[in-house]
Protein backbone atom coordinates (compact mmCIF):
# COMPACT_ATOMS: atom_id res chain seq x y z
CA MET A 1 0.00 0.00 0.00
CA SER A 2 1.36 3.41 -0.95
CA ILE A 3 2.14 6.20 1.52
CA GLU A 4 -0.55 8.33 -0.15
CA SER A 5 -3.16 5.62 0.49
CA ILE A 6 -2.13 5.27 4.14
CA LEU A 7 -2.32 9.04 4.66
CA GLY A 8 -5.73 9.09 2.99
CA ILE A 9 -7.03 6.38 5.30
CA ILE A 10 -5.69 8.20 8.38
CA ALA A 11 -7.30 11.46 7.28
CA SER A 12 -10.63 9.68 6.75
CA LEU A 13 -10.43 8.05 10.17
CA LEU A 14 -9.69 11.39 11.83
CA THR A 15 -12.68 12.98 10.08
CA ILE A 16 -14.96 10.14 11.18
CA ALA A 17 -13.59 10.34 14.74
CA ALA A 18 -14.27 14.07 14.91
CA PHE A 19 -17.79 13.57 13.56
CA VAL A 20 -18.52 10.68 15.93
CA GLY A 21 -17.11 12.71 18.83
CA PHE A 22 -19.49 15.55 18.11
CA GLN A 23 -22.39 13.19 17.57
CA PHE A 24 -21.57 11.62 20.96
CA ASP A 25 -21.55 15.09 22.48
CA LEU A 26 -25.02 15.65 21.04
CA ALA A 27 -26.25 12.34 22.41
CA LYS A 28 -27.27 14.06 25.61
CA TYR A 29 -29.79 16.09 23.58
CA ILE A 30 -31.87 13.05 22.63
CA LYS A 31 -34.13 13.66 25.63
CA LYS A 32 -34.24 17.40 24.95
CA PRO A 33 -32.51 18.91 28.01
CA PRO A 34 -33.37 22.38 29.39
CA MET A 35 -32.71 25.17 26.90
CA LYS A 36 -30.06 26.63 29.21
CA GLU A 37 -27.88 23.53 28.75
CA VAL A 38 -27.97 23.98 24.98
CA PHE A 39 -27.24 27.70 25.32
CA ASP A 40 -24.39 26.95 27.76
CA ASP A 41 -22.85 24.68 25.13
CA ILE A 42 -23.20 27.42 22.51
CA MET A 43 -21.27 29.76 24.85
CA ASN A 44 -18.63 27.12 25.67
CA ILE A 45 -15.29 28.50 24.45
CA LYS A 46 -14.11 24.98 23.67
CA LYS A 47 -16.74 24.63 20.96
CA THR A 48 -16.08 25.63 17.36
CA ASP A 49 -18.44 27.97 15.52
CA LYS A 50 -19.38 25.01 13.30
CA GLU A 51 -20.48 23.08 16.37
CA ARG A 52 -22.35 26.12 17.68
CA ARG A 53 -24.34 26.36 14.44
CA LYS A 54 -25.48 22.75 14.87
CA LEU A 55 -26.50 23.59 18.43
CA LEU A 56 -28.47 26.60 17.18
CA LYS A 57 -30.35 24.29 14.82
CA PHE A 58 -31.19 22.10 17.80
CA LEU A 59 -32.22 25.15 19.85
CA ASN A 60 -34.53 26.11 17.00
CA ARG A 61 -36.63 22.99 17.68
CA TYR A 62 -37.85 24.18 21.09
CA SER A 63 -41.46 25.39 21.14
CA ASP A 64 -40.46 28.75 22.67
CA ILE A 65 -38.23 29.41 19.66
CA ASN A 66 -40.52 27.63 17.16
CA LYS A 67 -38.01 27.59 14.27
CA ARG A 68 -37.76 31.37 14.15
CA ILE A 69 -33.94 31.41 14.03
CA THR A 70 -33.33 31.79 10.32
CA ASP A 71 -31.03 29.53 8.30
CA ASP A 72 -29.05 32.58 7.19
CA TYR A 73 -28.48 33.64 10.82
CA ILE A 74 -27.35 30.14 11.79
CA GLN A 75 -25.07 29.83 8.77
CA HIS A 76 -23.24 33.07 9.60
CA PHE A 77 -23.23 32.76 13.41
CA THR A 78 -19.91 33.36 15.18
CA LEU A 79 -19.37 33.78 18.92
CA GLY A 80 -16.36 36.09 18.88
CA LYS A 81 -15.82 37.54 22.35
CA ARG A 82 -19.44 38.24 23.16
CA GLY A 83 -21.00 37.46 26.51
CA ARG A 84 -24.20 35.59 27.32
CA GLU A 85 -26.55 38.57 27.30
CA ALA A 86 -25.15 39.97 24.04
CA VAL A 87 -25.57 36.62 22.27
CA PHE A 88 -29.04 36.00 23.70
CA LEU A 89 -30.27 39.46 22.68
CA ASP A 90 -28.66 39.16 19.25
CA ILE A 91 -30.50 35.86 18.66
CA CYS A 92 -33.77 37.49 19.70
CA ASN A 93 -33.40 40.81 17.90
CA SER A 94 -32.04 39.30 14.69
CA ASN A 95 -34.89 36.81 14.45
CA ASN A 96 -37.88 38.82 15.73
CA ILE A 97 -38.08 36.81 18.96
CA GLU A 98 -39.37 38.69 21.99
CA PRO A 99 -36.83 38.42 24.89
CA THR A 100 -39.48 37.76 27.55
CA ASP A 101 -38.56 37.14 31.18
CA ASP A 102 -39.57 33.50 30.78
CA LEU A 103 -37.34 33.02 27.74
CA CYS A 104 -34.47 34.78 29.54
CA LYS A 105 -34.77 32.37 32.46
CA GLN A 106 -34.94 29.34 30.19
CA MET A 107 -31.95 30.29 28.05
CA ILE A 108 -29.53 32.26 30.24
CA GLY A 109 -30.79 31.26 33.67
CA TYR A 110 -31.96 34.67 34.89
CA THR A 111 -34.02 37.64 33.80
CA LEU A 112 -32.38 40.73 32.37
CA SER A 113 -32.73 43.77 34.58
CA LEU A 114 -33.32 45.96 31.51
CA GLN A 115 -34.73 45.33 28.04
CA LYS A 116 -31.99 46.45 25.65
CA SER A 117 -32.68 47.75 22.18
CA LYS A 118 -31.20 46.44 18.94
CA GLU A 119 -28.86 49.40 18.96
CA SER A 120 -27.49 48.49 22.40
CA VAL A 121 -26.86 44.91 21.32
CA SER A 122 -25.13 46.15 18.19
CA LYS A 123 -22.91 48.38 20.28
CA GLN A 124 -22.02 45.47 22.58
CA ASN A 125 -21.12 43.30 19.62
CA ASN A 126 -19.00 46.03 18.05
CA THR A 127 -17.10 46.71 21.25
CA ALA A 128 -16.54 43.06 22.09
CA ALA A 129 -13.44 42.66 19.95
CA PRO A 130 -10.38 44.93 20.10
CA THR A 131 -9.89 47.49 17.38
CA ALA A 132 -6.69 48.84 15.93
CA ASN A 133 -7.21 52.21 17.60
CA PRO A 134 -6.65 52.39 21.37
CA VAL A 135 -9.52 53.67 23.48
CA GLU A 136 -8.97 57.11 24.92
CA PRO A 137 -10.33 58.05 28.35
CA ILE A 138 -13.82 59.46 28.07
CA LYS A 139 -14.17 63.12 28.84
CA LYS A 140 -17.23 63.08 31.07
CA VAL A 141 -18.97 60.80 33.50
CA ALA A 142 -22.14 59.63 31.74
CA PRO A 143 -25.77 60.66 32.36
CA THR A 144 -26.98 62.06 35.66
CA GLN A 145 -29.53 60.51 38.00
CA GLU A 146 -32.40 62.27 36.27
CA ALA A 147 -31.80 60.71 32.81
CA VAL A 148 -30.55 57.15 33.06
CA GLN A 149 -30.36 55.46 29.67
CA PHE A 150 -28.12 52.46 29.18
CA SER A 151 -26.05 51.69 26.12
CA GLY A 152 -25.22 48.29 27.60
CA GLU A 153 -21.58 49.34 28.03
CA GLN A 154 -19.59 49.66 31.21
CA VAL A 155 -16.82 52.13 31.97
CA VAL A 156 -13.98 51.65 34.46
CA TYR A 157 -13.09 54.61 36.66
CA MET A 158 -9.98 54.95 38.81
CA SER A 159 -8.74 57.60 41.18
CA GLU A 160 -6.23 59.98 39.65
CA LEU A 161 -4.03 59.06 42.62
CA LEU A 162 -3.65 55.48 41.38
CA GLN A 163 -1.85 56.70 38.29
CA GLU A 164 0.21 59.13 40.38
CA LYS A 165 1.28 56.68 43.10
CA TYR A 166 1.50 53.45 41.10
CA PRO A 167 2.20 54.49 37.49
CA ASP A 168 3.58 51.11 36.39
CA THR A 169 0.76 49.07 37.87
CA CYS A 170 -1.87 51.50 36.63
CA GLY A 171 -0.24 51.43 33.21
CA ARG A 172 -0.44 47.62 33.08
CA LEU A 173 -4.14 47.75 33.90
CA ILE A 174 -4.80 50.45 31.30
CA GLN A 175 -3.04 48.40 28.61
CA ILE A 176 -5.31 45.44 29.39
CA LEU A 177 -8.39 47.65 29.20
CA LYS A 178 -7.26 49.19 25.92
CA SER A 179 -6.52 45.79 24.38
CA HIS A 180 -10.15 44.79 24.98
CA ASN A 181 -11.65 48.12 23.94
CA ILE A 182 -12.83 48.94 27.47
CA LYS A 183 -13.40 52.63 28.18
CA TYR A 184 -11.82 54.13 31.28
CA ASP A 185 -11.48 57.47 33.02
CA PHE A 186 -10.00 59.01 36.16
CA LEU A 187 -11.96 60.44 39.09
CA LYS A 188 -11.21 63.93 40.34
CA GLY A 189 -11.23 65.14 43.92
CA THR A 190 -10.33 61.87 45.63
CA ASN A 191 -8.04 61.50 48.65
CA ASP A 192 -6.99 57.87 48.23
CA ILE A 193 -6.92 55.12 45.62
CA TRP A 194 -9.73 52.93 47.04
CA CYS A 195 -12.49 54.45 44.92
CA ARG A 196 -14.82 51.44 45.11
CA ASP A 197 -15.49 52.30 48.75
CA TYR A 198 -16.43 55.96 48.51
CA MET A 199 -18.14 56.03 45.09
CA PRO A 200 -21.92 55.48 44.69
CA ILE A 201 -23.50 52.07 44.28
CA GLN A 202 -25.34 51.67 40.98
CA THR A 203 -28.51 49.61 41.18
CA GLU A 204 -29.54 47.31 38.37
CA LYS A 205 -32.11 49.88 37.25
CA GLY A 206 -29.39 52.52 37.01
CA LYS A 207 -29.92 54.59 40.16
CA LEU A 208 -26.84 55.81 42.00
CA ILE A 209 -26.96 55.45 45.78
CA GLN A 210 -24.29 57.31 47.74
CA PHE A 211 -23.81 55.94 51.23
CA LYS A 212 -22.11 57.77 54.07
CA TYR A 213 -18.37 57.06 53.99
CA ASP A 214 -16.99 57.14 57.52
CA PRO A 215 -15.47 53.70 58.16
CA SER A 216 -14.40 52.97 61.73
CA TYR A 217 -11.06 51.55 60.58
CA LEU A 218 -9.94 55.01 59.39
CA ARG A 219 -10.61 56.65 62.76
CA GLY A 220 -7.92 57.23 65.35
CA ASN A 221 -5.13 57.51 62.79
CA LYS A 222 -4.52 61.10 61.64
CA GLU A 223 -3.02 60.08 58.28
CA TRP A 224 -5.86 57.69 57.53
CA GLU A 225 -8.53 60.15 58.63
CA GLU A 226 -7.08 62.77 56.28
CA SER A 227 -7.17 60.22 53.46
CA ARG A 228 -10.94 59.83 53.72
CA SER A 229 -12.57 61.23 50.60
CA ASP A 230 -15.50 63.63 50.94
CA VAL A 231 -18.18 61.82 48.93
CA ARG A 232 -20.25 64.93 48.22
CA LYS A 233 -17.22 66.79 46.85
CA VAL A 234 -16.17 63.79 44.76
CA CYS A 235 -19.65 63.44 43.27
CA GLU A 236 -19.79 67.15 42.51
CA ALA A 237 -16.31 67.16 40.96
CA ASN A 238 -17.29 64.31 38.66
CA GLY A 239 -20.76 65.47 37.66
CA LEU A 240 -22.69 62.85 39.63
CA LYS A 241 -26.06 63.42 41.26
CA PRO A 242 -26.81 60.33 43.35
CA GLU A 243 -29.41 59.72 46.03
CA PHE A 244 -27.67 60.17 49.39
CA SER A 245 -28.19 57.81 52.32
CA ASP A 246 -27.24 58.22 55.98
CA LEU A 247 -26.27 54.55 56.25
CA ASN A 248 -22.51 54.19 56.81
CA ILE A 249 -21.44 51.59 54.24
CA ASP A 250 -18.34 51.09 52.08
CA GLY A 251 -18.88 50.24 48.43
CA GLY A 252 -16.51 47.29 48.68
CA ASN A 253 -19.02 45.71 51.02
CA VAL A 254 -21.85 45.74 48.47
CA LEU A 255 -22.12 43.08 45.76
CA ILE A 256 -25.18 43.08 43.47
CA CYS A 257 -26.40 40.53 40.94
CA ASP A 258 -29.84 39.96 39.44
CA GLY A 259 -32.01 41.15 42.31
CA ARG A 260 -29.71 40.07 45.12
CA ALA A 261 -27.13 41.91 47.21
CA ILE A 262 -24.44 40.44 49.46
CA LEU A 263 -22.93 42.39 52.37
CA THR A 264 -21.05 41.32 55.48
CA ASP A 265 -22.40 41.89 58.98
CA ARG A 266 -19.80 44.65 59.42
CA ILE A 267 -22.63 46.98 58.33
CA PHE A 268 -24.24 46.49 61.75
CA SER A 269 -21.21 47.58 63.80
CA GLU A 270 -20.70 50.53 61.43
CA ASN A 271 -24.27 51.68 62.15
CA PRO A 272 -24.60 50.97 65.91
CA ASP A 273 -27.54 53.34 66.45
CA ILE A 274 -29.80 51.54 63.97
CA ASP A 275 -31.29 48.09 64.63
CA GLU A 276 -30.37 45.30 62.23
CA ASP A 277 -33.84 44.77 60.76
CA THR A 278 -34.16 48.46 59.94
CA ILE A 279 -30.75 48.42 58.21
CA LYS A 280 -31.68 45.40 56.10
CA LYS A 281 -35.08 46.82 55.12
CA GLU A 282 -33.54 50.15 54.14
CA LEU A 283 -30.85 48.41 52.10
CA ALA A 284 -33.47 46.31 50.32
CA ARG A 285 -35.37 49.49 49.48
CA LEU A 286 -32.38 51.48 48.29
CA LEU A 287 -30.67 48.70 46.35
CA GLU A 288 -33.95 47.20 45.10
CA CYS A 289 -32.55 43.81 46.05
CA GLU A 290 -32.99 40.85 48.33
CA VAL A 291 -30.28 41.31 50.99
CA ILE A 292 -27.95 38.44 51.94
CA ILE A 293 -25.74 38.87 55.01
CA ILE A 294 -22.52 36.88 55.44
CA PRO A 295 -20.12 37.01 58.41
CA ALA A 296 -17.14 39.36 58.42
CA TYR A 297 -13.97 38.56 60.32
CA LYS A 298 -14.31 39.56 63.95
CA SER A 299 -10.72 40.71 64.24
CA LYS A 300 -9.45 43.66 62.23
CA GLU A 301 -6.05 42.00 62.29
CA ASP A 302 -7.57 39.28 60.10
CA ASP A 303 -9.43 41.74 57.88
CA LEU A 304 -9.31 45.47 58.51
CA THR A 305 -12.28 46.48 56.35
CA GLY A 306 -14.70 43.57 56.63
CA HIS A 307 -15.70 43.91 52.98
CA ALA A 308 -17.65 41.26 51.09
CA ASP A 309 -15.47 41.69 47.97
CA GLY A 310 -12.53 40.18 49.82
CA MET A 311 -14.50 37.03 50.57
CA VAL A 312 -16.94 36.24 47.75
CA ARG A 313 -18.24 37.42 44.35
CA PHE A 314 -21.39 36.65 42.41
CA VAL A 315 -21.17 34.35 39.40
CA ASP A 316 -24.90 34.57 38.85
CA ARG A 317 -27.97 35.00 41.03
CA ASN A 318 -27.67 31.54 42.56
CA THR A 319 -23.90 31.01 42.46
CA ILE A 320 -21.03 32.64 44.32
CA ILE A 321 -17.30 32.11 44.11
CA GLY A 322 -15.38 32.59 47.33
CA ASN A 323 -12.30 31.94 49.39
CA LYS A 324 -11.77 28.27 50.17
CA LEU A 325 -13.50 27.61 53.48
CA ASP A 326 -11.46 24.59 54.67
CA ASN A 327 -9.08 26.62 56.83
CA GLU A 328 -11.48 29.37 57.87
CA TYR A 329 -12.67 30.07 61.39
CA GLN A 330 -15.65 27.98 62.40
CA TYR A 331 -17.90 31.04 62.73
CA ILE A 332 -17.06 32.01 59.13
CA LYS A 333 -17.90 28.50 57.92
CA ASN A 334 -21.14 28.39 59.92
CA GLY A 335 -22.30 31.84 58.83
CA MET A 336 -21.49 31.18 55.19
CA GLN A 337 -23.24 27.80 55.28
CA LYS A 338 -26.30 29.43 56.82
CA ALA A 339 -26.49 31.96 53.96
CA ILE A 340 -25.90 29.23 51.36
CA GLU A 341 -28.75 27.11 52.70
CA GLN A 342 -31.14 30.00 53.33
CA PHE A 343 -30.81 31.44 49.82
CA GLY A 344 -30.13 28.25 47.86
CA LEU A 345 -26.65 29.28 46.75
CA LYS A 346 -24.00 27.20 45.07
CA TYR A 347 -20.51 27.90 46.44
CA ILE A 348 -17.42 27.59 44.22
CA SER A 349 -14.15 27.44 46.16
CA MET A 350 -11.29 29.68 45.13
CA PRO A 351 -7.68 29.29 46.30
CA PHE A 352 -6.87 31.66 49.12
CA PHE A 353 -3.87 32.32 51.32
CA ILE A 354 -2.87 34.93 53.85
CA ASP A 355 0.61 36.42 53.70
CA LYS A 356 1.28 38.43 56.86
CA LYS A 357 5.04 37.98 56.96
CA ASP A 358 5.82 41.60 56.08
CA PRO A 359 5.56 43.73 59.26
CA GLN A 360 5.61 46.89 57.14
CA HIS A 361 2.39 45.79 55.41
CA PRO A 362 0.20 44.19 58.11
CA TYR A 363 -3.00 44.58 56.06
CA SER A 364 -1.67 43.07 52.83
CA ALA A 365 -4.31 41.70 50.44
CA ILE A 366 -1.89 39.34 48.70
CA GLY A 367 -3.60 35.98 48.38
CA VAL A 368 -7.13 37.26 47.74
CA TYR A 369 -7.90 36.11 44.19
CA VAL A 370 -11.63 36.96 44.36
CA ASN A 371 -10.95 40.71 44.44
CA TYR A 372 -10.88 40.86 40.63
CA LEU A 373 -12.17 43.47 38.18
CA GLU A 374 -15.25 42.47 36.19
CA VAL A 375 -16.31 44.71 33.30
CA ASN A 376 -18.37 43.85 30.23
CA ASN A 377 -17.05 40.50 28.98
CA LEU A 378 -13.66 40.86 30.70
CA ILE A 379 -12.33 39.70 34.07
CA VAL A 380 -8.92 40.91 35.21
CA MET A 381 -7.68 38.83 38.13
CA PRO A 382 -4.60 39.28 40.32
CA ILE A 383 -1.80 36.74 40.46
CA PHE A 384 0.90 36.65 43.13
CA GLY A 385 3.77 34.56 41.80
CA ARG A 386 2.70 31.56 43.87
CA GLU A 387 1.88 27.98 42.95
CA GLU A 388 -1.77 28.75 43.75
CA ASP A 389 -1.91 31.07 40.71
CA ASN A 390 -2.41 28.29 38.16
CA GLN A 391 -5.14 26.67 40.22
CA ALA A 392 -6.94 30.00 40.64
CA ILE A 393 -6.75 30.71 36.90
CA GLU A 394 -8.19 27.29 36.10
CA VAL A 395 -11.07 27.77 38.57
CA MET A 396 -11.87 31.13 36.96
CA LYS A 397 -11.82 29.69 33.44
CA GLN A 398 -14.15 26.86 34.44
CA THR A 399 -16.45 29.22 36.35
CA PHE A 400 -16.62 31.85 33.60
CA PRO A 401 -16.24 29.90 30.31
CA ASP A 402 -17.81 32.73 28.32
CA ARG A 403 -15.55 35.47 29.70
CA ILE A 404 -12.10 36.67 28.74
CA ILE A 405 -9.75 36.09 31.69
CA GLU A 406 -6.67 38.31 31.96
CA THR A 407 -4.12 38.24 34.78
CA ILE A 408 -2.07 41.07 36.26
CA ASP A 409 0.71 41.61 38.78
CA TYR A 410 -0.93 44.00 41.25
CA ASN A 411 1.29 43.22 44.21
CA ASP A 412 2.53 46.72 45.02
CA VAL A 413 -1.05 47.87 45.45
CA ALA A 414 -2.04 44.63 47.23
CA LEU A 415 0.58 45.24 49.91
CA GLU A 416 -1.37 48.35 50.93
CA GLY A 417 -4.52 46.32 51.61
CA GLY A 418 -6.59 46.15 48.39
CA LEU A 419 -6.72 44.84 44.87
CA LEU A 420 -8.52 45.35 41.57
CA ASN A 421 -12.12 45.65 42.73
CA CYS A 422 -10.99 48.05 45.48
CA THR A 423 -9.23 50.44 43.10
CA THR A 424 -11.86 50.55 40.35
CA TRP A 425 -15.43 51.80 40.10
CA VAL A 426 -17.45 50.33 37.25
CA ARG A 427 -20.51 52.15 35.95
CA LYS A 428 -22.93 51.12 33.26
CA ILE A 429 -23.70 53.99 30.89
């Protein structure tokens, strides 16, 4: 037998194997699984666009879709770097399918907080992939409280002091943002780099809520007290008109996702003159969310701020990713388990270590992987030059298969007590 014949046979076998492999993958669809499973496979970065088109044909068979996805749309479908919402809305808007709450739940697992127009989806799709021209900082903070209209795009803001004090680190972050066409800008009138804490909280409907910023951990230290930003002056300097609240809460202690908010119980000790039920009811009203309380560390030596963003983050409404609980204090384990059971949450464990060997930096945040930046379809996570880095990256990739995961050395900032979520404020415009 000639070499050409052997090579031909091998090529044929490989083609058959690839086809059989995909057919085997589709075997699970014989019993018609929930639409979300099919959509999850479409968003799976390991799939090829050819495989996704076959999955779209299968999705077309569901009664809620009723064969309304056109052959032309399926034939030209590509995922690119789009996220779940952008793809879902593109399918709907391109095929005259109404994105009802029920269809949202069936396909993406949750309802969208806002109905986005075709133009907003188009803008998301156009900004998903990098362009040849770098993105320049925007000139103004977007619309005021009185006229909230979303384009579906998020902007990253940083204190001007971050660029001044940590030019190299800030530069690395800006390069990542530029490479993914993410808009950014710098906040005026700030007194420290931790802008997440003193900037307003944006609700899912677009309202800006500005809490009182007077954390107990800044009191009693003249230098720290002078570093506290005046929230009213910062808002005025940056053209923001939020609703002000007398509750004393740091922004790093507020996580919001699809009608739910997570905060640690540090909010109670920061507001000692208000009973706990009143605090929770007021938070639910202001944030327009169901409020979930998790335990903060009791000792400020373990965690100075008591912020939720140093412990957990939302993946979706019913899933959180958080520091591995195996070596935590028992009261942390018990409190977290109580919240998990009460609200039906799934908990994904993230590597976590505490590095307190440097006496000059007793509040170091090195080891806290969950304090990442999440904006549009991009997640920028810190790495620390440790063996845990690879494990953390793998957990993130498995948890967010439809997101772009970038890593960054943020250690010089981390030594001061915070990381990426702490030093950024993300606003949807």
